[in-house]
Amino acid sequence: IHRVLQDALKHNKQKDDLYVRYENILRKATEKEIAAMEA
């Protein structure tokens, strides 16, 4: 989110594949968070 915010404040155009990459990363982040909570 810091990277997204930085791009927004600098008016940098987001890359076309960002949605797919971010969605995959966020799914893994959710899985890791659940595993960490269980641990």
PDB file of all heavy atoms in Angstrom:
ATOM      1  N   ILE A   1       0.837  -1.210   0.000  1.00  0.00           N
ATOM      2  CA  ILE A   1       0.000   0.000   0.000  1.00  0.00           C
ATOM      3  C   ILE A   1       0.870   1.259   0.000  1.00  0.00           C
ATOM      4  O   ILE A   1       0.518   2.273  -0.597  1.00  0.00           O
ATOM      5  CB  ILE A   1      -1.022  -0.001   1.163  1.00  0.00           C
ATOM      6  CG1 ILE A   1      -2.240   0.896   0.835  1.00  0.00           C
ATOM      7  CG2 ILE A   1      -0.438   0.479   2.477  1.00  0.00           C
ATOM      8  CD1 ILE A   1      -3.230   0.304  -0.084  1.00  0.00           C
ATOM      9  N   HIS A   2       2.047   1.202   0.630  1.00  0.00           N
ATOM     10  CA  HIS A   2       2.983   2.336   0.587  1.00  0.00           C
ATOM     11  C   HIS A   2       3.463   2.581  -0.844  1.00  0.00           C
ATOM     12  O   HIS A   2       3.613   3.734  -1.262  1.00  0.00           O
ATOM     13  CB  HIS A   2       4.171   2.078   1.518  1.00  0.00           C
ATOM     14  CG  HIS A   2       3.902   2.498   2.930  1.00  0.00           C
ATOM     15  ND1 HIS A   2       4.509   3.571   3.515  1.00  0.00           N
ATOM     16  CD2 HIS A   2       3.066   1.989   3.864  1.00  0.00           C
ATOM     17  CE1 HIS A   2       4.061   3.709   4.764  1.00  0.00           C
ATOM     18  NE2 HIS A   2       3.190   2.752   4.998  1.00  0.00           N
ATOM     19  N   ARG A   3       3.681   1.507  -1.586  1.00  0.00           N
ATOM     20  CA  ARG A   3       4.109   1.648  -2.990  1.00  0.00           C
ATOM     21  C   ARG A   3       2.993   2.248  -3.845  1.00  0.00           C
ATOM     22  O   ARG A   3       3.244   3.116  -4.681  1.00  0.00           O
ATOM     23  CB  ARG A   3       4.530   0.280  -3.541  1.00  0.00           C
ATOM     24  CG  ARG A   3       5.847  -0.203  -2.958  1.00  0.00           C
ATOM     25  CD  ARG A   3       6.130  -1.644  -3.356  1.00  0.00           C
ATOM     26  NE  ARG A   3       7.413  -2.079  -2.793  1.00  0.00           N
ATOM     27  CZ  ARG A   3       7.771  -3.341  -2.644  1.00  0.00           C
ATOM     28  NH1 ARG A   3       6.925  -4.304  -2.986  1.00  0.00           N
ATOM     29  NH2 ARG A   3       8.946  -3.657  -2.141  1.00  0.00           N
ATOM     30  N   VAL A   4       1.776   1.772  -3.618  1.00  0.00           N
ATOM     31  CA  VAL A   4       0.619   2.315  -4.363  1.00  0.00           C
ATOM     32  C   VAL A   4       0.460   3.800  -4.047  1.00  0.00           C
ATOM     33  O   VAL A   4       0.243   4.628  -4.934  1.00  0.00           O
ATOM     34  CB  VAL A   4      -0.676   1.544  -4.013  1.00  0.00           C
ATOM     35  CG1 VAL A   4      -1.896   2.211  -4.652  1.00  0.00           C
ATOM     36  CG2 VAL A   4      -0.577   0.089  -4.470  1.00  0.00           C
ATOM     37  N   LEU A   5       0.576   4.128  -2.769  1.00  0.00           N
ATOM     38  CA  LEU A   5       0.420   5.517  -2.321  1.00  0.00           C
ATOM     39  C   LEU A   5       1.504   6.413  -2.926  1.00  0.00           C
ATOM     40  O   LEU A   5       1.232   7.528  -3.384  1.00  0.00           O
ATOM     41  CB  LEU A   5       0.471   5.564  -0.791  1.00  0.00           C
ATOM     42  CG  LEU A   5       0.159   6.888  -0.102  1.00  0.00           C
ATOM     43  CD1 LEU A   5      -1.229   7.396  -0.472  1.00  0.00           C
ATOM     44  CD2 LEU A   5       0.278   6.742   1.406  1.00  0.00           C
ATOM     45  N   GLN A   6       2.729   5.906  -2.930  1.00  0.00           N
ATOM     46  CA  GLN A   6       3.845   6.677  -3.498  1.00  0.00           C
ATOM     47  C   GLN A   6       3.624   6.950  -4.995  1.00  0.00           C
ATOM     48  O   GLN A   6       3.841   8.068  -5.475  1.00  0.00           O
ATOM     49  CB  GLN A   6       5.154   5.897  -3.298  1.00  0.00           C
ATOM     50  CG  GLN A   6       6.403   6.746  -3.490  1.00  0.00           C
ATOM     51  CD  GLN A   6       7.651   6.015  -3.054  1.00  0.00           C
ATOM     52  OE1 GLN A   6       7.770   4.816  -3.276  1.00  0.00           O
ATOM     53  NE2 GLN A   6       8.588   6.720  -2.429  1.00  0.00           N
ATOM     54  N   ASP A   7       3.178   5.914  -5.707  1.00  0.00           N
ATOM     55  CA  ASP A   7       2.888   6.100  -7.139  1.00  0.00           C
ATOM     56  C   ASP A   7       1.776   7.117  -7.351  1.00  0.00           C
ATOM     57  O   ASP A   7       1.830   7.951  -8.271  1.00  0.00           O
ATOM     58  CB  ASP A   7       2.489   4.764  -7.786  1.00  0.00           C
ATOM     59  CG  ASP A   7       3.699   3.868  -8.044  1.00  0.00           C
ATOM     60  OD1 ASP A   7       4.835   4.402  -8.068  1.00  0.00           O
ATOM     61  OD2 ASP A   7       3.512   2.648  -8.223  1.00  0.00           O
ATOM     62  N   ALA A   8       0.748   7.048  -6.499  1.00  0.00           N
ATOM     63  CA  ALA A   8      -0.381   7.987  -6.623  1.00  0.00           C
ATOM     64  C   ALA A   8       0.074   9.424  -6.378  1.00  0.00           C
ATOM     65  O   ALA A   8      -0.316  10.344  -7.115  1.00  0.00           O
ATOM     66  CB  ALA A   8      -1.470   7.609  -5.627  1.00  0.00           C
ATOM     67  N   LEU A   9       0.914   9.617  -5.355  1.00  0.00           N
ATOM     68  CA  LEU A   9       1.377  10.972  -5.019  1.00  0.00           C
ATOM     69  C   LEU A   9       2.341  11.519  -6.070  1.00  0.00           C
ATOM     70  O   LEU A   9       2.417  12.732  -6.287  1.00  0.00           O
ATOM     71  CB  LEU A   9       2.043  10.972  -3.638  1.00  0.00           C
ATOM     72  CG  LEU A   9       1.116  10.638  -2.459  1.00  0.00           C
ATOM     73  CD1 LEU A   9       1.907  10.498  -1.163  1.00  0.00           C
ATOM     74  CD2 LEU A   9       0.022  11.684  -2.289  1.00  0.00           C
ATOM     75  N   LYS A  10       3.075  10.627  -6.736  1.00  0.00           N
ATOM     76  CA  LYS A  10       4.022  11.063  -7.777  1.00  0.00           C
ATOM     77  C   LYS A  10       3.409  11.026  -9.177  1.00  0.00           C
ATOM     78  O   LYS A  10       4.074  11.322 -10.163  1.00  0.00           O
ATOM     79  CB  LYS A  10       5.265  10.160  -7.748  1.00  0.00           C
ATOM     80  CG  LYS A  10       6.159  10.389  -6.536  1.00  0.00           C
ATOM     81  CD  LYS A  10       7.386   9.504  -6.623  1.00  0.00           C
ATOM     82  CE  LYS A  10       8.335   9.787  -5.466  1.00  0.00           C
ATOM     83  NZ  LYS A  10       9.526   8.900  -5.522  1.00  0.00           N
ATOM     84  N   HIS A  11       2.138  10.615  -9.241  1.00  0.00           N
ATOM     85  CA  HIS A  11       1.400  10.496 -10.511  1.00  0.00           C
ATOM     86  C   HIS A  11       2.070   9.502 -11.463  1.00  0.00           C
ATOM     87  O   HIS A  11       2.074   9.683 -12.686  1.00  0.00           O
ATOM     88  CB  HIS A  11       1.245  11.875 -11.191  1.00  0.00           C
ATOM     89  CG  HIS A  11       0.605  12.890 -10.303  1.00  0.00           C
ATOM     90  ND1 HIS A  11      -0.744  12.870  -9.990  1.00  0.00           N
ATOM     91  CD2 HIS A  11       1.131  13.945  -9.637  1.00  0.00           C
ATOM     92  CE1 HIS A  11      -1.023  13.877  -9.171  1.00  0.00           C
ATOM     93  NE2 HIS A  11       0.109  14.546  -8.937  1.00  0.00           N
ATOM     94  N   ASN A  12       2.661   8.428 -10.899  1.00  0.00           N
ATOM     95  CA  ASN A  12       3.249   7.368 -11.728  1.00  0.00           C
ATOM     96  C   ASN A  12       2.137   6.460 -12.230  1.00  0.00           C
ATOM     97  O   ASN A  12       1.248   6.078 -11.469  1.00  0.00           O
ATOM     98  CB  ASN A  12       4.236   6.523 -10.913  1.00  0.00           C
ATOM     99  CG  ASN A  12       5.460   7.313 -10.502  1.00  0.00           C
ATOM    100  OD1 ASN A  12       5.788   8.323 -11.119  1.00  0.00           O
ATOM    101  ND2 ASN A  12       6.142   6.859  -9.460  1.00  0.00           N
ATOM    102  N   LYS A  13       2.207   6.101 -13.515  1.00  0.00           N
ATOM    103  CA  LYS A  13       1.185   5.219 -14.091  1.00  0.00           C
ATOM    104  C   LYS A  13       1.416   3.778 -13.617  1.00  0.00           C
ATOM    105  O   LYS A  13       2.530   3.277 -13.643  1.00  0.00           O
ATOM    106  CB  LYS A  13       1.261   5.275 -15.623  1.00  0.00           C
ATOM    107  CG  LYS A  13       0.060   4.661 -16.328  1.00  0.00           C
ATOM    108  CD  LYS A  13       0.154   4.898 -17.826  1.00  0.00           C
ATOM    109  CE  LYS A  13      -1.086   4.380 -18.547  1.00  0.00           C
ATOM    110  NZ  LYS A  13      -1.293   2.948 -18.424  1.00  0.00           N
ATOM    111  N   GLN A  14       0.346   3.143 -13.160  1.00  0.00           N
ATOM    112  CA  GLN A  14       0.469   1.758 -12.708  1.00  0.00           C
ATOM    113  C   GLN A  14       0.654   0.804 -13.887  1.00  0.00           C
ATOM    114  O   GLN A  14       0.081   1.008 -14.957  1.00  0.00           O
ATOM    115  CB  GLN A  14      -0.778   1.348 -11.908  1.00  0.00           C
ATOM    116  CG  GLN A  14      -0.869   2.003 -10.540  1.00  0.00           C
ATOM    117  CD  GLN A  14      -2.033   1.463  -9.731  1.00  0.00           C
ATOM    118  OE1 GLN A  14      -3.062   1.068 -10.275  1.00  0.00           O
ATOM    119  NE2 GLN A  14      -1.884   1.455  -8.411  1.00  0.00           N
ATOM    120  N   LYS A  15       1.460  -0.250 -13.674  1.00  0.00           N
ATOM    121  CA  LYS A  15       1.693  -1.229 -14.740  1.00  0.00           C
ATOM    122  C   LYS A  15       0.432  -2.055 -14.989  1.00  0.00           C
ATOM    123  O   LYS A  15      -0.353  -2.307 -14.076  1.00  0.00           O
ATOM    124  CB  LYS A  15       2.866  -2.140 -14.358  1.00  0.00           C
ATOM    125  CG  LYS A  15       4.205  -1.397 -14.379  1.00  0.00           C
ATOM    126  CD  LYS A  15       5.338  -2.314 -13.984  1.00  0.00           C
ATOM    127  CE  LYS A  15       6.659  -1.521 -13.996  1.00  0.00           C
ATOM    128  NZ  LYS A  15       7.786  -2.328 -13.509  1.00  0.00           N
ATOM    129  N   ASP A  16       0.269  -2.507 -16.222  1.00  0.00           N
ATOM    130  CA  ASP A  16      -0.955  -3.211 -16.622  1.00  0.00           C
ATOM    131  C   ASP A  16      -1.156  -4.526 -15.882  1.00  0.00           C
ATOM    132  O   ASP A  16      -2.287  -4.949 -15.638  1.00  0.00           O
ATOM    133  CB  ASP A  16      -0.938  -3.481 -18.141  1.00  0.00           C
ATOM    134  CG  ASP A  16      -1.031  -2.189 -18.942  1.00  0.00           C
ATOM    135  OD1 ASP A  16      -1.557  -1.197 -18.388  1.00  0.00           O
ATOM    136  OD2 ASP A  16      -0.566  -2.151 -20.097  1.00  0.00           O
ATOM    137  N   ASP A  17      -0.051  -5.225 -15.512  1.00  0.00           N
ATOM    138  CA  ASP A  17      -0.186  -6.533 -14.875  1.00  0.00           C
ATOM    139  C   ASP A  17      -0.281  -6.445 -13.350  1.00  0.00           C
ATOM    140  O   ASP A  17      -0.251  -7.464 -12.662  1.00  0.00           O
ATOM    141  CB  ASP A  17       0.989  -7.424 -15.269  1.00  0.00           C
ATOM    142  CG  ASP A  17       2.314  -6.938 -14.676  1.00  0.00           C
ATOM    143  OD1 ASP A  17       2.398  -5.729 -14.355  1.00  0.00           O
ATOM    144  OD2 ASP A  17       3.244  -7.750 -14.536  1.00  0.00           O
ATOM    145  N   LEU A  18      -0.387  -5.218 -12.818  1.00  0.00           N
ATOM    146  CA  LEU A  18      -0.345  -5.031 -11.366  1.00  0.00           C
ATOM    147  C   LEU A  18      -1.487  -5.743 -10.654  1.00  0.00           C
ATOM    148  O   LEU A  18      -1.281  -6.360  -9.610  1.00  0.00           O
ATOM    149  CB  LEU A  18      -0.369  -3.531 -11.019  1.00  0.00           C
ATOM    150  CG  LEU A  18      -0.004  -3.203  -9.575  1.00  0.00           C
ATOM    151  CD1 LEU A  18       1.456  -3.530  -9.296  1.00  0.00           C
ATOM    152  CD2 LEU A  18      -0.280  -1.739  -9.253  1.00  0.00           C
ATOM    153  N   TYR A  19      -2.690  -5.694 -11.233  1.00  0.00           N
ATOM    154  CA  TYR A  19      -3.863  -6.305 -10.595  1.00  0.00           C
ATOM    155  C   TYR A  19      -3.644  -7.796 -10.351  1.00  0.00           C
ATOM    156  O   TYR A  19      -3.847  -8.298  -9.239  1.00  0.00           O
ATOM    157  CB  TYR A  19      -5.116  -6.078 -11.458  1.00  0.00           C
ATOM    158  CG  TYR A  19      -6.292  -6.926 -11.036  1.00  0.00           C
ATOM    159  CD1 TYR A  19      -7.041  -6.596  -9.910  1.00  0.00           C
ATOM    160  CD2 TYR A  19      -6.630  -8.083 -11.747  1.00  0.00           C
ATOM    161  CE1 TYR A  19      -8.108  -7.388  -9.502  1.00  0.00           C
ATOM    162  CE2 TYR A  19      -7.691  -8.882 -11.343  1.00  0.00           C
ATOM    163  CZ  TYR A  19      -8.425  -8.528 -10.221  1.00  0.00           C
ATOM    164  OH  TYR A  19      -9.468  -9.321  -9.821  1.00  0.00           O
ATOM    165  N   VAL A  20      -3.211  -8.522 -11.401  1.00  0.00           N
ATOM    166  CA  VAL A  20      -3.019  -9.973 -11.295  1.00  0.00           C
ATOM    167  C   VAL A  20      -1.907 -10.276 -10.291  1.00  0.00           C
ATOM    168  O   VAL A  20      -2.043 -11.171  -9.444  1.00  0.00           O
ATOM    169  CB  VAL A  20      -2.685 -10.594 -12.675  1.00  0.00           C
ATOM    170  CG1 VAL A  20      -2.367 -12.079 -12.535  1.00  0.00           C
ATOM    171  CG2 VAL A  20      -3.856 -10.390 -13.635  1.00  0.00           C
ATOM    172  N   ARG A  21      -0.782  -9.553 -10.362  1.00  0.00           N
ATOM    173  CA  ARG A  21       0.344  -9.787  -9.443  1.00  0.00           C
ATOM    174  C   ARG A  21      -0.068  -9.533  -8.002  1.00  0.00           C
ATOM    175  O   ARG A  21       0.202 -10.329  -7.110  1.00  0.00           O
ATOM    176  CB  ARG A  21       1.524  -8.869  -9.820  1.00  0.00           C
ATOM    177  CG  ARG A  21       2.323  -9.371 -11.009  1.00  0.00           C
ATOM    178  CD  ARG A  21       3.725  -8.765 -11.066  1.00  0.00           C
ATOM    179  NE  ARG A  21       3.689  -7.314 -11.218  1.00  0.00           N
ATOM    180  CZ  ARG A  21       4.202  -6.466 -10.341  1.00  0.00           C
ATOM    181  NH1 ARG A  21       4.775  -6.914  -9.231  1.00  0.00           N
ATOM    182  NH2 ARG A  21       4.151  -5.172 -10.546  1.00  0.00           N
ATOM    183  N   TYR A  22      -0.756  -8.401  -7.785  1.00  0.00           N
ATOM    184  CA  TYR A  22      -1.155  -8.051  -6.421  1.00  0.00           C
ATOM    185  C   TYR A  22      -2.178  -9.031  -5.848  1.00  0.00           C
ATOM    186  O   TYR A  22      -2.117  -9.386  -4.679  1.00  0.00           O
ATOM    187  CB  TYR A  22      -1.700  -6.612  -6.386  1.00  0.00           C
ATOM    188  CG  TYR A  22      -0.643  -5.589  -6.035  1.00  0.00           C
ATOM    189  CD1 TYR A  22       0.690  -5.793  -6.355  1.00  0.00           C
ATOM    190  CD2 TYR A  22      -0.966  -4.411  -5.367  1.00  0.00           C
ATOM    191  CE1 TYR A  22       1.661  -4.861  -6.030  1.00  0.00           C
ATOM    192  CE2 TYR A  22       0.002  -3.466  -5.031  1.00  0.00           C
ATOM    193  CZ  TYR A  22       1.314  -3.700  -5.366  1.00  0.00           C
ATOM    194  OH  TYR A  22       2.280  -2.789  -5.031  1.00  0.00           O
ATOM    195  N   GLU A  23      -3.104  -9.457  -6.690  1.00  0.00           N
ATOM    196  CA  GLU A  23      -4.134 -10.394  -6.204  1.00  0.00           C
ATOM    197  C   GLU A  23      -3.490 -11.703  -5.746  1.00  0.00           C
ATOM    198  O   GLU A  23      -3.865 -12.258  -4.717  1.00  0.00           O
ATOM    199  CB  GLU A  23      -5.161 -10.644  -7.318  1.00  0.00           C
ATOM    200  CG  GLU A  23      -6.488 -11.213  -6.833  1.00  0.00           C
ATOM    201  CD  GLU A  23      -7.186 -10.384  -5.762  1.00  0.00           C
ATOM    202  OE1 GLU A  23      -7.325  -9.155  -5.929  1.00  0.00           O
ATOM    203  OE2 GLU A  23      -7.583 -10.983  -4.745  1.00  0.00           O
ATOM    204  N   ASN A  24      -2.496 -12.191  -6.501  1.00  0.00           N
ATOM    205  CA  ASN A  24      -1.783 -13.422  -6.116  1.00  0.00           C
ATOM    206  C   ASN A  24      -1.013 -13.229  -4.814  1.00  0.00           C
ATOM    207  O   ASN A  24      -1.033 -14.090  -3.937  1.00  0.00           O
ATOM    208  CB  ASN A  24      -0.807 -13.841  -7.234  1.00  0.00           C
ATOM    209  CG  ASN A  24      -1.534 -14.463  -8.413  1.00  0.00           C
ATOM    210  OD1 ASN A  24      -2.607 -15.032  -8.253  1.00  0.00           O
ATOM    211  ND2 ASN A  24      -0.962 -14.352  -9.600  1.00  0.00           N
ATOM    212  N   ILE A  25      -0.316 -12.098  -4.706  1.00  0.00           N
ATOM    213  CA  ILE A  25       0.467 -11.818  -3.496  1.00  0.00           C
ATOM    214  C   ILE A  25      -0.447 -11.709  -2.277  1.00  0.00           C
ATOM    215  O   ILE A  25      -0.153 -12.239  -1.208  1.00  0.00           O
ATOM    216  CB  ILE A  25       1.286 -10.513  -3.665  1.00  0.00           C
ATOM    217  CG1 ILE A  25       2.382 -10.703  -4.722  1.00  0.00           C
ATOM    218  CG2 ILE A  25       1.932 -10.100  -2.334  1.00  0.00           C
ATOM    219  CD1 ILE A  25       3.046  -9.406  -5.155  1.00  0.00           C
ATOM    220  N   LEU A  26      -1.593 -11.036  -2.441  1.00  0.00           N
ATOM    221  CA  LEU A  26      -2.508 -10.814  -1.312  1.00  0.00           C
ATOM    222  C   LEU A  26      -3.166 -12.108  -0.853  1.00  0.00           C
ATOM    223  O   LEU A  26      -3.428 -12.288   0.339  1.00  0.00           O
ATOM    224  CB  LEU A  26      -3.561  -9.765  -1.676  1.00  0.00           C
ATOM    225  CG  LEU A  26      -2.997  -8.352  -1.872  1.00  0.00           C
ATOM    226  CD1 LEU A  26      -4.063  -7.413  -2.417  1.00  0.00           C
ATOM    227  CD2 LEU A  26      -2.431  -7.793  -0.570  1.00  0.00           C
ATOM    228  N   ARG A  27      -3.412 -13.007  -1.802  1.00  0.00           N
ATOM    229  CA  ARG A  27      -3.961 -14.317  -1.412  1.00  0.00           C
ATOM    230  C   ARG A  27      -2.950 -15.065  -0.542  1.00  0.00           C
ATOM    231  O   ARG A  27      -3.299 -15.650   0.487  1.00  0.00           O
ATOM    232  CB  ARG A  27      -4.304 -15.137  -2.667  1.00  0.00           C
ATOM    233  CG  ARG A  27      -5.098 -16.406  -2.343  1.00  0.00           C
ATOM    234  CD  ARG A  27      -5.412 -17.243  -3.553  1.00  0.00           C
ATOM    235  NE  ARG A  27      -4.224 -17.858  -4.118  1.00  0.00           N
ATOM    236  CZ  ARG A  27      -3.660 -17.504  -5.265  1.00  0.00           C
ATOM    237  NH1 ARG A  27      -4.177 -16.515  -5.983  1.00  0.00           N
ATOM    238  NH2 ARG A  27      -2.580 -18.116  -5.714  1.00  0.00           N
ATOM    239  N   LYS A  28      -1.674 -15.021  -0.944  1.00  0.00           N
ATOM    240  CA  LYS A  28      -0.622 -15.687  -0.157  1.00  0.00           C
ATOM    241  C   LYS A  28      -0.438 -14.994   1.193  1.00  0.00           C
ATOM    242  O   LYS A  28      -0.204 -15.652   2.207  1.00  0.00           O
ATOM    243  CB  LYS A  28       0.696 -15.681  -0.941  1.00  0.00           C
ATOM    244  CG  LYS A  28       0.708 -16.689  -2.074  1.00  0.00           C
ATOM    245  CD  LYS A  28       1.977 -16.566  -2.898  1.00  0.00           C
ATOM    246  CE  LYS A  28       1.888 -17.468  -4.134  1.00  0.00           C
ATOM    247  NZ  LYS A  28       2.984 -17.201  -5.077  1.00  0.00           N
ATOM    248  N   ALA A  29      -0.526 -13.658   1.196  1.00  0.00           N
ATOM    249  CA  ALA A  29      -0.380 -12.901   2.458  1.00  0.00           C
ATOM    250  C   ALA A  29      -1.468 -13.295   3.454  1.00  0.00           C
ATOM    251  O   ALA A  29      -1.209 -13.435   4.655  1.00  0.00           O
ATOM    252  CB  ALA A  29      -0.436 -11.406   2.181  1.00  0.00           C
ATOM    253  N   THR A  30      -2.689 -13.491   2.959  1.00  0.00           N
ATOM    254  CA  THR A  30      -3.805 -13.921   3.810  1.00  0.00           C
ATOM    255  C   THR A  30      -3.532 -15.309   4.390  1.00  0.00           C
ATOM    256  O   THR A  30      -3.733 -15.548   5.580  1.00  0.00           O
ATOM    257  CB  THR A  30      -5.126 -13.933   3.010  1.00  0.00           C
ATOM    258  OG1 THR A  30      -5.400 -12.610   2.528  1.00  0.00           O
ATOM    259  CG2 THR A  30      -6.295 -14.395   3.869  1.00  0.00           C
ATOM    260  N   GLU A  31      -3.040 -16.231   3.520  1.00  0.00           N
ATOM    261  CA  GLU A  31      -2.728 -17.595   3.980  1.00  0.00           C
ATOM    262  C   GLU A  31      -1.651 -17.569   5.069  1.00  0.00           C
ATOM    263  O   GLU A  31      -1.760 -18.267   6.076  1.00  0.00           O
ATOM    264  CB  GLU A  31      -2.247 -18.445   2.800  1.00  0.00           C
ATOM    265  CG  GLU A  31      -3.353 -18.817   1.815  1.00  0.00           C
ATOM    266  CD  GLU A  31      -2.811 -19.431   0.532  1.00  0.00           C
ATOM    267  OE1 GLU A  31      -1.578 -19.680   0.466  1.00  0.00           O
ATOM    268  OE2 GLU A  31      -3.600 -19.645  -0.400  1.00  0.00           O
ATOM    269  N   LYS A  32      -0.607 -16.757   4.853  1.00  0.00           N
ATOM    270  CA  LYS A  32       0.500 -16.674   5.814  1.00  0.00           C
ATOM    271  C   LYS A  32       0.030 -16.053   7.133  1.00  0.00           C
ATOM    272  O   LYS A  32       0.476 -16.444   8.210  1.00  0.00           O
ATOM    273  CB  LYS A  32       1.653 -15.843   5.242  1.00  0.00           C
ATOM    274  CG  LYS A  32       2.365 -16.504   4.070  1.00  0.00           C
ATOM    275  CD  LYS A  32       3.082 -17.762   4.495  1.00  0.00           C
ATOM    276  CE  LYS A  32       3.812 -18.414   3.335  1.00  0.00           C
ATOM    277  NZ  LYS A  32       4.296 -19.757   3.679  1.00  0.00           N
ATOM    278  N   GLU A  33      -0.871 -15.064   7.033  1.00  0.00           N
ATOM    279  CA  GLU A  33      -1.378 -14.417   8.249  1.00  0.00           C
ATOM    280  C   GLU A  33      -2.163 -15.415   9.096  1.00  0.00           C
ATOM    281  O   GLU A  33      -1.998 -15.472  10.323  1.00  0.00           O
ATOM    282  CB  GLU A  33      -2.276 -13.235   7.867  1.00  0.00           C
ATOM    283  CG  GLU A  33      -2.756 -12.479   9.075  1.00  0.00           C
ATOM    284  CD  GLU A  33      -4.043 -11.727   8.848  1.00  0.00           C
ATOM    285  OE1 GLU A  33      -4.843 -12.130   7.976  1.00  0.00           O
ATOM    286  OE2 GLU A  33      -4.248 -10.738   9.544  1.00  0.00           O
ATOM    287  N   ILE A  34      -3.006 -16.229   8.455  1.00  0.00           N
ATOM    288  CA  ILE A  34      -3.794 -17.236   9.172  1.00  0.00           C
ATOM    289  C   ILE A  34      -2.863 -18.258   9.824  1.00  0.00           C
ATOM    290  O   ILE A  34      -3.042 -18.638  10.987  1.00  0.00           O
ATOM    291  CB  ILE A  34      -4.810 -17.915   8.223  1.00  0.00           C
ATOM    292  CG1 ILE A  34      -5.888 -16.903   7.797  1.00  0.00           C
ATOM    293  CG2 ILE A  34      -5.451 -19.142   8.881  1.00  0.00           C
ATOM    294  CD1 ILE A  34      -6.745 -17.348   6.622  1.00  0.00           C
ATOM    295  N   ALA A  35      -1.823 -18.675   9.078  1.00  0.00           N
ATOM    296  CA  ALA A  35      -0.852 -19.641   9.620  1.00  0.00           C
ATOM    297  C   ALA A  35      -0.121 -19.057  10.825  1.00  0.00           C
ATOM    298  O   ALA A  35       0.114 -19.748  11.825  1.00  0.00           O
ATOM    299  CB  ALA A  35       0.147 -20.043   8.540  1.00  0.00           C
ATOM    300  N   ALA A  36       0.234 -17.783  10.745  1.00  0.00           N
ATOM    301  CA  ALA A  36       0.938 -17.110  11.850  1.00  0.00           C
ATOM    302  C   ALA A  36       0.049 -17.017  13.090  1.00  0.00           C
ATOM    303  O   ALA A  36       0.504 -17.235  14.216  1.00  0.00           O
ATOM    304  CB  ALA A  36       1.385 -15.721  11.424  1.00  0.00           C
ATOM    305  N   MET A  37      -1.241 -16.697  12.882  1.00  0.00           N
ATOM    306  CA  MET A  37      -2.182 -16.604  14.006  1.00  0.00           C
ATOM    307  C   MET A  37      -2.358 -17.964  14.684  1.00  0.00           C
ATOM    308  O   MET A  37      -2.412 -18.067  15.907  1.00  0.00           O
ATOM    309  CB  MET A  37      -3.535 -16.084  13.517  1.00  0.00           C
ATOM    310  CG  MET A  37      -3.555 -14.588  13.271  1.00  0.00           C
ATOM    311  SD  MET A  37      -5.041 -14.042  12.407  1.00  0.00           S
ATOM    312  CE  MET A  37      -6.307 -14.446  13.580  1.00  0.00           C
ATOM    313  N   GLU A  38      -2.455 -19.018  13.865  1.00  0.00           N
ATOM    314  CA  GLU A  38      -2.603 -20.369  14.418  1.00  0.00           C
ATOM    315  C   GLU A  38      -1.350 -20.779  15.190  1.00  0.00           C
ATOM    316  O   GLU A  38      -1.434 -21.401  16.255  1.00  0.00           O
ATOM    317  CB  GLU A  38      -2.892 -21.370  13.291  1.00  0.00           C
ATOM    318  CG  GLU A  38      -4.310 -21.252  12.753  1.00  0.00           C
ATOM    319  CD  GLU A  38      -4.562 -22.111  11.524  1.00  0.00           C
ATOM    320  OE1 GLU A  38      -3.609 -22.748  11.018  1.00  0.00           O
ATOM    321  OE2 GLU A  38      -5.726 -22.137  11.059  1.00  0.00           O
ATOM    322  N   ALA A  39      -0.173 -20.407  14.655  1.00  0.00           N
ATOM    323  CA  ALA A  39       1.096 -20.719  15.332  1.00  0.00           C
ATOM    324  C   ALA A  39       1.172 -19.996  16.679  1.00  0.00           C
ATOM    325  O   ALA A  39       1.614 -20.567  17.682  1.00  0.00           O
ATOM    326  CB  ALA A  39       2.274 -20.322  14.455  1.00  0.00           C
TER     327      ALA A  39
END
